[in-house]
Amino acid sequence: MEILKGLKPETVWQYFEEICKIPRPSRKEEKIAAWLMGFAKKHQLVARQDKAGNVLIAKPATLGKESVAKIVLQSHMDMVCEKNSDSIHDFEKDAIQPYIDGEWVKAKGTTLGADDGIGMAASLAVLTAKDIQHGGIECLFTVDEETGLSGAFALESGFFDGRLLLNLDSEDEGEIFIGCAGGIDTLVRLPYETTKTPAHKFAVRISVKGLQGGHSGDDIDKGRGNAIKILNRFLWEMNAKHGISVALLEGGNLRNAIAREASAVIVFDEKLKETVRIDFNIHFAEMEEVWKITEPGLTMDLESIEVPEEVLSKDSTNKLLNSLYACPHGVFEMSRRMPGMVETSTNLASVRFIEEHTILITTSQRSDMNAEKMNIAHMVASVFQLIGAEIEHGEGYPGWVPNPNSELLKVAVRSYKQLFDKEPLVRSIHAGLECGLFLEKYPDMDMISFGPTLRGVHSPDEKINIATVEKWWLHLVNILETLK
């Protein structure tokens, strides 16, 4: 059944619904890549795939537009795979289930994948359109944008010919992006020791849920709560007051998503069970007051459970709770060059107990200035170096330095004003885009990024505004038709 049938523009929504049926987790894009190659064959379009898995589909210029410079329409195949705790969705097998909710399209219990399924859908609609006048088109679909930008990293020089590029991976209609932050991951491996749980102990599981989460770049300045930080704050206070032991502490998921949920199992003297419950109720009431504006859905639960056989040693408990408390999270510096924009930030993304008595703590840092990106990464690392943890920085990716004199930007601004009788907002974005990597391989590339309005990206609350898709499509088509 076609759930999105009747939405405008019909072809874009038709392809988006088709894309929703195809599993496409990051680093597992084989199915969607094969579908794209089949799409090209079906429509008699030239296509090729590189060693990394990136796909390029080309369409020749329409009659009379042969002299217009080729333009690349770029989107990424993969999607962030987040779901609600009660969802049984299998992202490697199951189709995303979109549905219409008023002005928005959402998904049932999972991320929608409009980031960047809608960009892919628009590219496919251009490739099959018979009523658009344009120069040569090259549609580039990259892999693994969400977890490592590995598709853009591995892109070979000469894979495409165009030197104008429209990145279709932005989330605010009416805004044109000409720059983005660079990023780096800082991974922490904290070894821990365990001890046998003494007699006369009581155990509880404490959970934090109901937070909005969101994109660790684009949403980092919205004052949203981090479930790991909120949970650890209570654990730290209980440890200082009662001397608890931690048996388990886990939360968050992906490096580029703000942690929405976290839980811990703690053990303490049996005689303190009523005292700890009272302390918990007081803390929860305080957190509700603290977060009532930005996180009205916050819930915290405490339940009694069977006492585990082992807990972290006192030293390991202290190291874990103290380092998580000290680890910075959120906006670190606002931009002085672009007022209102975040310059530098850091995200405490996830905590996981893994094999060989090791806790893996994942963080990510962003900045449009490389020196400040490394500064905040080193600051995070220094916190965990104090407790003897092993630190590993990822390869990182470059930012995209804004070019306000871009000729492509001038065309896009002029087009938007002509269509909608108002100026678009031109700015940089704190999220990471693949454009910085493209610029390294193609230094003479002229690029902009734009898209329809998405909200709740990288969380099961992800949604796309229906009306803005049509406006964005009209803008895209007009740019293609007016390029000379």
Protein backbone atom coordinates (compact mmCIF):
# COMPACT_ATOMS: atom_id res chain seq x y z
CA MET A 1 0.00 0.00 0.00
CA GLU A 2 1.29 3.46 -0.90
CA ILE A 3 1.07 5.36 2.39
CA LEU A 4 2.49 8.62 0.99
CA LYS A 5 0.52 8.65 -2.26
CA GLY A 6 -0.95 12.06 -3.05
CA LEU A 7 1.79 14.09 -1.37
CA LYS A 8 3.49 16.68 -3.57
CA PRO A 9 5.75 16.36 -5.45
CA GLU A 10 4.45 12.89 -6.17
CA THR A 11 7.59 11.45 -7.78
CA VAL A 12 9.84 12.49 -4.88
CA TRP A 13 7.51 10.97 -2.29
CA GLN A 14 7.07 7.84 -4.40
CA TYR A 15 10.82 7.24 -4.48
CA PHE A 16 11.15 8.08 -0.79
CA GLU A 17 8.58 5.43 0.10
CA GLU A 18 10.44 2.92 -2.09
CA ILE A 19 13.70 3.78 -0.29
CA CYS A 20 11.99 3.22 3.10
CA LYS A 21 11.40 -0.41 2.11
CA ILE A 22 15.12 -1.13 1.68
CA PRO A 23 17.32 -1.74 4.78
CA ARG A 24 20.30 0.65 4.74
CA PRO A 25 22.17 0.84 8.05
CA SER A 26 25.56 2.52 7.94
CA ARG A 27 28.26 0.20 6.58
CA LYS A 28 25.57 -2.20 5.41
CA GLU A 29 24.37 -0.40 2.29
CA GLU A 30 24.66 -3.38 -0.09
CA LYS A 31 20.90 -3.68 -0.62
CA ILE A 32 20.26 -0.01 -1.37
CA ALA A 33 23.36 0.19 -3.59
CA ALA A 34 22.17 -2.81 -5.60
CA TRP A 35 18.73 -1.22 -5.88
CA LEU A 36 20.28 2.00 -7.21
CA MET A 37 22.28 0.11 -9.83
CA GLY A 38 19.11 -1.71 -10.84
CA PHE A 39 17.28 1.61 -11.01
CA ALA A 40 19.91 2.95 -13.43
CA LYS A 41 19.64 -0.13 -15.62
CA LYS A 42 15.84 0.04 -15.64
CA HIS A 43 15.92 3.68 -16.81
CA GLN A 44 18.84 3.16 -19.22
CA LEU A 45 21.16 5.49 -17.35
CA VAL A 46 24.94 5.17 -17.09
CA ALA A 47 25.99 4.09 -13.59
CA ARG A 48 29.10 2.90 -11.83
CA GLN A 49 30.17 1.93 -8.32
CA ASP A 50 33.59 2.41 -6.75
CA LYS A 51 35.47 0.12 -4.36
CA ALA A 52 34.00 1.85 -1.31
CA GLY A 53 30.45 1.25 -2.52
CA ASN A 54 29.63 4.78 -3.65
CA VAL A 55 27.25 4.88 -6.61
CA LEU A 56 27.20 7.43 -9.45
CA ILE A 57 24.30 7.67 -11.90
CA ALA A 58 24.61 10.09 -14.82
CA LYS A 59 22.01 11.69 -17.06
CA PRO A 60 22.95 13.68 -20.18
CA ALA A 61 21.95 17.30 -20.69
CA THR A 62 18.59 18.05 -22.22
CA LEU A 63 18.38 19.50 -25.72
CA GLY A 64 19.84 23.00 -25.85
CA LYS A 65 21.58 22.68 -22.45
CA GLU A 66 24.66 20.78 -23.61
CA SER A 67 26.98 23.73 -22.93
CA VAL A 68 25.84 24.18 -19.31
CA ALA A 69 28.37 23.00 -16.73
CA LYS A 70 27.70 19.55 -15.30
CA ILE A 71 26.27 19.56 -11.81
CA VAL A 72 26.54 16.90 -9.11
CA LEU A 73 23.51 16.14 -6.93
CA GLN A 74 24.88 14.49 -3.81
CA SER A 75 23.17 12.53 -1.03
CA HIS A 76 24.11 9.59 1.19
CA MET A 77 22.61 6.10 1.21
CA ASP A 78 22.86 5.19 4.88
CA MET A 79 20.60 6.18 7.75
CA VAL A 80 20.90 6.43 11.52
CA CYS A 81 19.23 3.35 13.03
CA GLU A 82 17.60 4.39 16.31
CA LYS A 83 14.39 2.94 17.76
CA ASN A 84 12.28 3.18 20.86
CA SER A 85 13.07 0.67 23.60
CA ASP A 86 9.79 -1.18 23.03
CA SER A 87 10.32 -1.54 19.26
CA ILE A 88 11.21 -4.95 17.78
CA HIS A 89 12.25 -3.43 14.46
CA ASP A 90 15.27 -5.08 12.80
CA PHE A 91 17.05 -2.42 10.73
CA GLU A 92 18.92 -5.06 8.70
CA LYS A 93 15.73 -6.80 7.56
CA ASP A 94 12.63 -4.70 8.13
CA ALA A 95 11.20 -1.82 6.12
CA ILE A 96 10.80 1.59 7.73
CA GLN A 97 7.08 2.27 8.25
CA PRO A 98 6.33 5.90 7.34
CA TYR A 99 3.01 7.52 8.12
CA ILE A 100 1.43 10.95 7.77
CA ASP A 101 0.78 12.92 10.95
CA GLY A 102 -0.74 16.28 10.03
CA GLU A 103 1.94 18.41 8.42
CA TRP A 104 4.65 15.81 8.94
CA VAL A 105 5.78 12.39 7.80
CA LYS A 106 7.08 10.21 10.64
CA ALA A 107 8.03 6.56 11.19
CA LYS A 108 6.52 4.01 13.58
CA GLY A 109 8.93 3.63 16.51
CA THR A 110 12.13 4.27 14.56
CA THR A 111 14.14 6.89 12.79
CA LEU A 112 12.50 7.81 9.50
CA GLY A 113 15.64 7.87 7.39
CA ALA A 114 14.68 11.14 5.71
CA ASP A 115 18.29 11.96 6.54
CA ASP A 116 19.17 11.43 3.76
CA GLY A 117 16.52 9.33 2.05
CA ILE A 118 14.73 12.46 0.91
CA GLY A 119 17.90 13.70 -0.79
CA MET A 120 18.21 10.38 -2.59
CA ALA A 121 14.55 10.55 -3.62
CA ALA A 122 14.94 14.04 -5.10
CA SER A 123 18.00 12.90 -7.08
CA LEU A 124 16.07 9.94 -8.48
CA ALA A 125 13.16 12.22 -9.39
CA VAL A 126 15.54 14.46 -11.36
CA LEU A 127 17.02 11.43 -13.12
CA THR A 128 13.62 10.26 -14.36
CA ALA A 129 12.03 13.67 -15.00
CA LYS A 130 10.99 14.43 -18.59
CA ASP A 131 9.92 18.04 -17.98
CA ILE A 132 13.07 19.61 -16.49
CA GLN A 133 15.60 21.46 -18.64
CA HIS A 134 19.13 20.96 -17.33
CA GLY A 135 22.77 20.48 -18.14
CA GLY A 136 24.55 17.18 -17.54
CA ILE A 137 23.55 15.61 -14.20
CA GLU A 138 25.68 13.33 -12.04
CA CYS A 139 23.92 11.90 -8.98
CA LEU A 140 26.39 10.79 -6.34
CA PHE A 141 25.15 8.47 -3.57
CA THR A 142 27.77 7.93 -0.87
CA VAL A 143 28.02 5.24 1.81
CA ASP A 144 28.60 5.49 5.55
CA GLU A 145 28.06 9.21 6.01
CA GLU A 146 26.58 8.77 9.46
CA THR A 147 29.26 6.76 11.25
CA GLY A 148 32.53 7.71 9.61
CA LEU A 149 32.15 9.51 6.28
CA SER A 150 34.14 6.60 4.88
CA GLY A 151 32.45 6.83 1.47
CA ALA A 152 33.52 10.45 1.05
CA PHE A 153 36.98 9.64 2.46
CA ALA A 154 37.46 6.85 -0.08
CA LEU A 155 36.07 8.77 -3.05
CA GLU A 156 38.63 8.74 -5.83
CA SER A 157 39.55 11.84 -7.79
CA GLY A 158 37.92 11.67 -11.19
CA PHE A 159 34.92 9.58 -10.06
CA PHE A 160 32.72 12.39 -11.34
CA ASP A 161 33.27 15.26 -13.78
CA GLY A 162 31.09 18.06 -12.41
CA ARG A 163 32.60 21.00 -10.55
CA LEU A 164 29.30 22.35 -9.25
CA LEU A 165 27.75 20.35 -6.40
CA LEU A 166 24.40 20.53 -4.65
CA ASN A 167 24.55 18.66 -1.36
CA LEU A 168 20.98 17.53 -0.55
CA ASP A 169 21.60 16.76 3.12
CA SER A 170 20.49 19.83 5.08
CA GLU A 171 17.47 20.13 7.35
CA ASP A 172 16.04 23.64 7.23
CA GLU A 173 14.06 24.80 4.20
CA GLY A 174 14.77 28.41 3.31
CA GLU A 175 18.36 28.14 4.48
CA ILE A 176 21.38 27.64 2.25
CA PHE A 177 24.53 26.30 3.84
CA ILE A 178 27.98 27.27 2.63
CA GLY A 179 30.12 25.80 5.40
CA CYS A 180 30.14 23.10 8.09
CA ALA A 181 32.03 21.97 11.15
CA GLY A 182 34.78 19.42 11.09
CA GLY A 183 34.68 16.58 13.59
CA ILE A 184 36.65 13.93 15.42
CA ASP A 185 35.78 11.01 17.70
CA THR A 186 37.47 10.38 21.02
CA LEU A 187 37.09 6.79 22.22
CA VAL A 188 37.89 5.84 25.79
CA ARG A 189 38.62 2.30 26.97
CA LEU A 190 38.48 2.18 30.73
CA PRO A 191 39.62 -1.10 32.34
CA TYR A 192 37.79 -2.11 35.47
CA GLU A 193 38.09 -4.64 38.26
CA THR A 194 35.27 -6.54 39.91
CA THR A 195 34.74 -7.96 43.35
CA LYS A 196 32.29 -10.48 44.75
CA THR A 197 29.21 -8.75 46.11
CA PRO A 198 29.25 -8.87 49.93
CA ALA A 199 26.33 -10.19 51.93
CA HIS A 200 23.42 -8.02 53.09
CA LYS A 201 23.36 -5.88 49.98
CA PHE A 202 20.40 -4.50 48.02
CA ALA A 203 20.31 -3.85 44.27
CA VAL A 204 18.25 -1.52 42.09
CA ARG A 205 18.10 -0.64 38.42
CA ILE A 206 17.78 3.08 37.68
CA SER A 207 16.67 4.23 34.24
CA VAL A 208 16.47 7.58 32.46
CA LYS A 209 14.10 7.74 29.50
CA GLY A 210 11.86 10.07 27.52
CA LEU A 211 14.50 12.54 26.36
CA GLN A 212 14.40 14.05 22.88
CA GLY A 213 17.94 13.13 21.89
CA GLY A 214 18.70 14.42 18.42
CA HIS A 215 21.65 15.30 16.22
CA SER A 216 24.84 15.95 18.17
CA GLY A 217 25.72 18.80 15.81
CA ASP A 218 22.52 20.46 14.71
CA ASP A 219 20.70 20.02 18.04
CA ILE A 220 23.57 20.47 20.49
CA ASP A 221 22.61 24.11 21.20
CA LYS A 222 18.94 23.40 21.94
CA GLY A 223 19.45 22.72 25.62
CA ARG A 224 18.47 19.06 25.47
CA GLY A 225 19.37 16.64 28.22
CA ASN A 226 21.93 13.88 27.98
CA ALA A 227 20.62 10.72 29.66
CA ILE A 228 24.11 9.56 30.64
CA LYS A 229 24.90 12.85 32.39
CA ILE A 230 21.52 12.98 34.18
CA LEU A 231 21.84 9.39 35.39
CA ASN A 232 25.47 9.72 36.41
CA ARG A 233 24.72 12.86 38.39
CA PHE A 234 22.46 10.85 40.70
CA LEU A 235 24.91 7.94 40.92
CA TRP A 236 27.76 10.27 41.80
CA GLU A 237 25.69 11.89 44.57
CA MET A 238 24.71 8.47 45.96
CA ASN A 239 28.32 7.32 45.87
CA ALA A 240 29.47 10.42 47.74
CA LYS A 241 26.70 10.03 50.31
CA HIS A 242 26.37 6.26 50.74
CA GLY A 243 29.33 4.57 49.05
CA ILE A 244 27.47 2.58 46.40
CA SER A 245 28.91 -0.01 44.02
CA VAL A 246 28.13 -0.04 40.29
CA ALA A 247 27.38 -3.37 38.61
CA LEU A 248 26.43 -1.93 35.22
CA LEU A 249 26.10 1.50 33.60
CA GLU A 250 25.10 1.84 29.96
CA GLY A 251 23.49 4.50 27.84
CA GLY A 252 23.38 6.23 24.49
CA ASN A 253 24.04 4.61 21.17
CA LEU A 254 25.56 6.39 18.17
CA ARG A 255 28.43 8.88 18.34
CA ASN A 256 26.45 11.53 16.46
CA ALA A 257 23.29 11.27 18.55
CA ILE A 258 22.62 12.88 21.93
CA ALA A 259 21.98 10.09 24.45
CA ARG A 260 18.21 9.62 24.95
CA GLU A 261 18.24 6.70 27.39
CA ALA A 262 20.57 5.29 30.05
CA SER A 263 20.36 2.77 32.87
CA ALA A 264 22.51 1.47 35.71
CA VAL A 265 22.49 -1.32 38.27
CA ILE A 266 23.83 -0.24 41.65
CA VAL A 267 24.34 -2.09 44.93
CA PHE A 268 24.37 -0.69 48.47
CA ASP A 269 23.79 -1.72 52.09
CA GLU A 270 20.39 -3.32 52.59
CA LYS A 271 19.60 -0.96 55.45
CA LEU A 272 19.77 2.01 53.04
CA LYS A 273 17.08 0.83 50.62
CA GLU A 274 14.41 3.25 51.88
CA THR A 275 16.90 6.11 52.17
CA VAL A 276 18.09 5.64 48.58
CA ARG A 277 14.51 5.54 47.32
CA ILE A 278 13.76 8.81 49.11
CA ASP A 279 16.94 10.33 47.67
CA PHE A 280 15.87 9.12 44.22
CA ASN A 281 12.41 10.68 44.49
CA ILE A 282 13.93 13.99 45.54
CA HIS A 283 16.46 13.87 42.69
CA PHE A 284 13.81 13.03 40.11
CA ALA A 285 11.66 15.94 41.27
CA GLU A 286 14.71 18.23 40.97
CA MET A 287 15.48 16.96 37.47
CA GLU A 288 11.87 17.47 36.38
CA GLU A 289 12.18 21.09 37.46
CA VAL A 290 15.59 21.53 35.80
CA TRP A 291 14.47 20.04 32.48
CA LYS A 292 10.78 20.95 32.37
CA ILE A 293 11.23 23.40 29.49
CA THR A 294 13.50 21.48 27.11
CA GLU A 295 12.76 17.91 28.24
CA PRO A 296 9.15 17.70 29.44
CA GLY A 297 9.05 13.97 28.68
CA LEU A 298 11.87 13.07 31.08
CA THR A 299 11.17 10.02 33.23
CA MET A 300 13.36 8.30 35.82
CA ASP A 301 12.55 4.87 37.23
CA LEU A 302 13.94 2.87 40.15
CA GLU A 303 13.16 -0.83 40.52
CA SER A 304 14.45 -3.48 42.89
CA ILE A 305 16.27 -6.39 41.24
CA GLU A 306 18.15 -9.51 42.24
CA VAL A 307 21.55 -8.73 43.72
CA PRO A 308 24.29 -9.44 41.12
CA GLU A 309 27.11 -11.79 42.03
CA GLU A 310 29.80 -9.24 41.16
CA VAL A 311 30.16 -5.45 41.20
CA LEU A 312 32.87 -3.03 40.19
CA SER A 313 35.57 -2.56 42.79
CA LYS A 314 35.43 0.61 44.85
CA ASP A 315 38.30 2.11 42.85
CA SER A 316 36.68 1.26 39.50
CA THR A 317 33.32 2.65 40.62
CA ASN A 318 34.96 5.91 41.66
CA LYS A 319 36.92 6.24 38.42
CA LEU A 320 33.85 5.65 36.27
CA LEU A 321 31.50 8.00 38.10
CA ASN A 322 34.06 10.78 38.59
CA SER A 323 35.23 10.75 34.97
CA LEU A 324 31.70 10.77 33.55
CA TYR A 325 30.80 13.66 35.85
CA ALA A 326 33.89 15.62 34.75
CA CYS A 327 33.58 14.82 31.05
CA PRO A 328 32.30 17.95 29.24
CA HIS A 329 29.19 17.75 27.09
CA GLY A 330 27.40 20.36 25.00
CA VAL A 331 28.33 23.72 23.50
CA PHE A 332 31.86 24.78 24.36
CA GLU A 333 32.19 27.99 22.32
CA MET A 334 29.87 30.13 20.20
CA SER A 335 31.18 31.59 16.96
CA ARG A 336 32.47 35.16 16.96
CA ARG A 337 32.58 35.21 13.13
CA MET A 338 29.01 34.03 12.54
CA PRO A 339 26.85 35.31 15.42
CA GLY A 340 24.30 32.83 16.68
CA MET A 341 26.24 29.81 15.40
CA VAL A 342 27.98 27.16 17.49
CA GLU A 343 31.70 27.07 16.88
CA THR A 344 32.83 24.18 19.09
CA SER A 345 30.99 21.41 20.93
CA THR A 346 31.40 17.93 22.38
CA ASN A 347 29.00 15.01 22.78
CA LEU A 348 29.19 12.30 25.45
CA ALA A 349 27.54 9.78 23.15
CA SER A 350 27.56 6.35 24.77
CA VAL A 351 28.82 4.14 27.57
CA ARG A 352 29.03 0.37 27.12
CA PHE A 353 30.49 -2.52 29.13
CA ILE A 354 32.38 -4.64 26.59
CA GLU A 355 34.59 -7.71 26.68
CA GLU A 356 37.69 -8.21 28.82
CA HIS A 357 36.64 -6.03 31.75
CA THR A 358 36.55 -2.86 29.68
CA ILE A 359 34.11 0.03 29.55
CA LEU A 360 33.91 1.76 26.16
CA ILE A 361 33.02 5.45 26.33
CA THR A 362 32.33 7.11 22.99
CA THR A 363 32.49 10.88 22.52
CA SER A 364 32.61 13.17 19.49
CA GLN A 365 33.82 16.74 19.04
CA ARG A 366 32.98 19.35 16.38
CA SER A 367 34.30 22.75 15.39
CA ASP A 368 34.61 24.82 12.24
CA MET A 369 38.16 25.64 13.39
CA ASN A 370 40.56 22.70 13.32
CA ALA A 371 42.65 24.01 16.21
CA GLU A 372 39.56 24.28 18.44
CA LYS A 373 38.32 20.86 17.34
CA MET A 374 41.57 19.36 18.58
CA ASN A 375 41.53 21.50 21.72
CA ILE A 376 38.16 20.16 22.87
CA ALA A 377 39.16 16.60 21.87
CA HIS A 378 42.29 16.88 24.00
CA MET A 379 40.27 18.32 26.88
CA VAL A 380 37.97 15.28 26.83
CA ALA A 381 40.97 12.96 26.58
CA SER A 382 42.69 14.60 29.54
CA VAL A 383 39.75 13.82 31.84
CA PHE A 384 40.08 10.12 31.19
CA GLN A 385 43.88 10.12 31.10
CA LEU A 386 43.75 11.16 34.76
CA ILE A 387 42.26 7.77 35.62
CA GLY A 388 44.58 5.73 33.41
CA ALA A 389 42.15 5.01 30.56
CA GLU A 390 43.29 4.21 27.02
CA ILE A 391 42.45 7.03 24.60
CA GLU A 392 42.01 6.74 20.84
CA HIS A 393 41.17 9.60 18.50
CA GLY A 394 39.48 8.83 15.20
CA GLU A 395 40.83 10.04 11.88
CA GLY A 396 38.45 13.00 11.94
CA TYR A 397 37.18 14.97 8.99
CA PRO A 398 37.74 18.54 7.83
CA GLY A 399 35.33 21.41 8.01
CA TRP A 400 34.05 23.25 4.98
CA VAL A 401 35.25 26.85 4.96
CA PRO A 402 32.45 29.18 3.77
CA ASN A 403 32.81 30.91 0.40
CA PRO A 404 30.36 33.84 0.40
CA ASN A 405 31.45 34.73 -3.16
CA SER A 406 30.32 31.39 -4.60
CA GLU A 407 28.75 31.73 -8.05
CA LEU A 408 26.50 28.74 -7.35
CA LEU A 409 25.33 30.45 -4.17
CA LYS A 410 24.40 33.55 -6.14
CA VAL A 411 22.29 31.46 -8.51
CA ALA A 412 20.58 29.70 -5.60
CA VAL A 413 19.81 32.92 -3.72
CA ARG A 414 18.49 34.62 -6.85
CA SER A 415 16.35 31.56 -7.63
CA TYR A 416 14.84 31.39 -4.14
CA LYS A 417 13.99 35.08 -4.12
CA GLN A 418 12.38 34.79 -7.55
CA LEU A 419 10.28 31.80 -6.49
CA PHE A 420 9.19 32.88 -3.01
CA ASP A 421 9.73 36.64 -2.96
CA LYS A 422 12.06 36.58 0.03
CA GLU A 423 15.75 36.12 0.76
CA PRO A 424 16.96 32.72 1.98
CA LEU A 425 19.17 32.61 5.05
CA VAL A 426 22.78 31.87 4.11
CA ARG A 427 24.84 30.33 6.88
CA SER A 428 27.19 27.63 8.07
CA ILE A 429 26.03 24.49 9.90
CA HIS A 430 27.53 22.94 13.02
CA ALA A 431 26.77 19.43 11.79
CA GLY A 432 29.26 17.60 9.62
CA LEU A 433 28.74 17.36 5.88
CA GLU A 434 30.75 15.49 3.30
CA CYS A 435 31.52 18.75 1.47
CA GLY A 436 34.80 19.33 3.30
CA LEU A 437 36.12 16.01 2.04
CA PHE A 438 34.93 16.69 -1.50
CA LEU A 439 36.81 19.98 -1.41
CA GLU A 440 40.04 18.19 -0.49
CA LYS A 441 39.78 15.98 -3.57
CA TYR A 442 38.27 18.64 -5.87
CA PRO A 443 39.76 21.98 -4.72
CA ASP A 444 37.99 23.96 -7.47
CA MET A 445 34.54 22.62 -6.52
CA ASP A 446 31.75 25.18 -6.01
CA MET A 447 29.19 23.83 -3.53
CA ILE A 448 26.11 24.64 -1.51
CA SER A 449 23.90 22.49 0.72
CA PHE A 450 20.14 22.78 1.14
CA GLY A 451 17.13 20.64 1.98
CA PRO A 452 13.57 20.50 3.35
CA THR A 453 12.76 20.87 7.05
CA LEU A 454 13.54 17.86 9.22
CA ARG A 455 13.21 17.66 12.99
CA GLY A 456 14.25 15.07 15.57
CA VAL A 457 16.97 13.78 13.26
CA HIS A 458 18.95 10.78 14.57
CA SER A 459 16.12 9.84 16.95
CA PRO A 460 12.82 7.95 16.65
CA ASP A 461 11.15 11.36 16.74
CA GLU A 462 12.57 12.17 13.29
CA LYS A 463 10.01 13.80 11.01
CA ILE A 464 9.93 15.73 7.74
CA ASN A 465 7.68 18.65 6.98
CA ILE A 466 5.54 17.86 3.95
CA ALA A 467 5.05 21.38 2.62
CA THR A 468 8.77 22.18 2.69
CA VAL A 469 9.59 19.21 0.46
CA GLU A 470 7.60 20.80 -2.36
CA LYS A 471 9.25 24.20 -1.85
CA TRP A 472 12.70 22.61 -1.77
CA TRP A 473 11.94 20.63 -4.92
CA LEU A 474 10.78 23.75 -6.77
CA HIS A 475 13.98 25.48 -5.71
CA LEU A 476 16.15 22.56 -6.85
CA VAL A 477 14.44 22.38 -10.23
CA ASN A 478 14.69 26.13 -10.74
CA ILE A 479 18.42 26.11 -9.98
CA LEU A 480 18.97 23.36 -12.55
CA GLU A 481 16.93 25.21 -15.17
CA THR A 482 18.57 28.61 -14.63
CA LEU A 483 22.19 27.53 -14.56
CA LYS A 484 24.10 28.77 -17.58
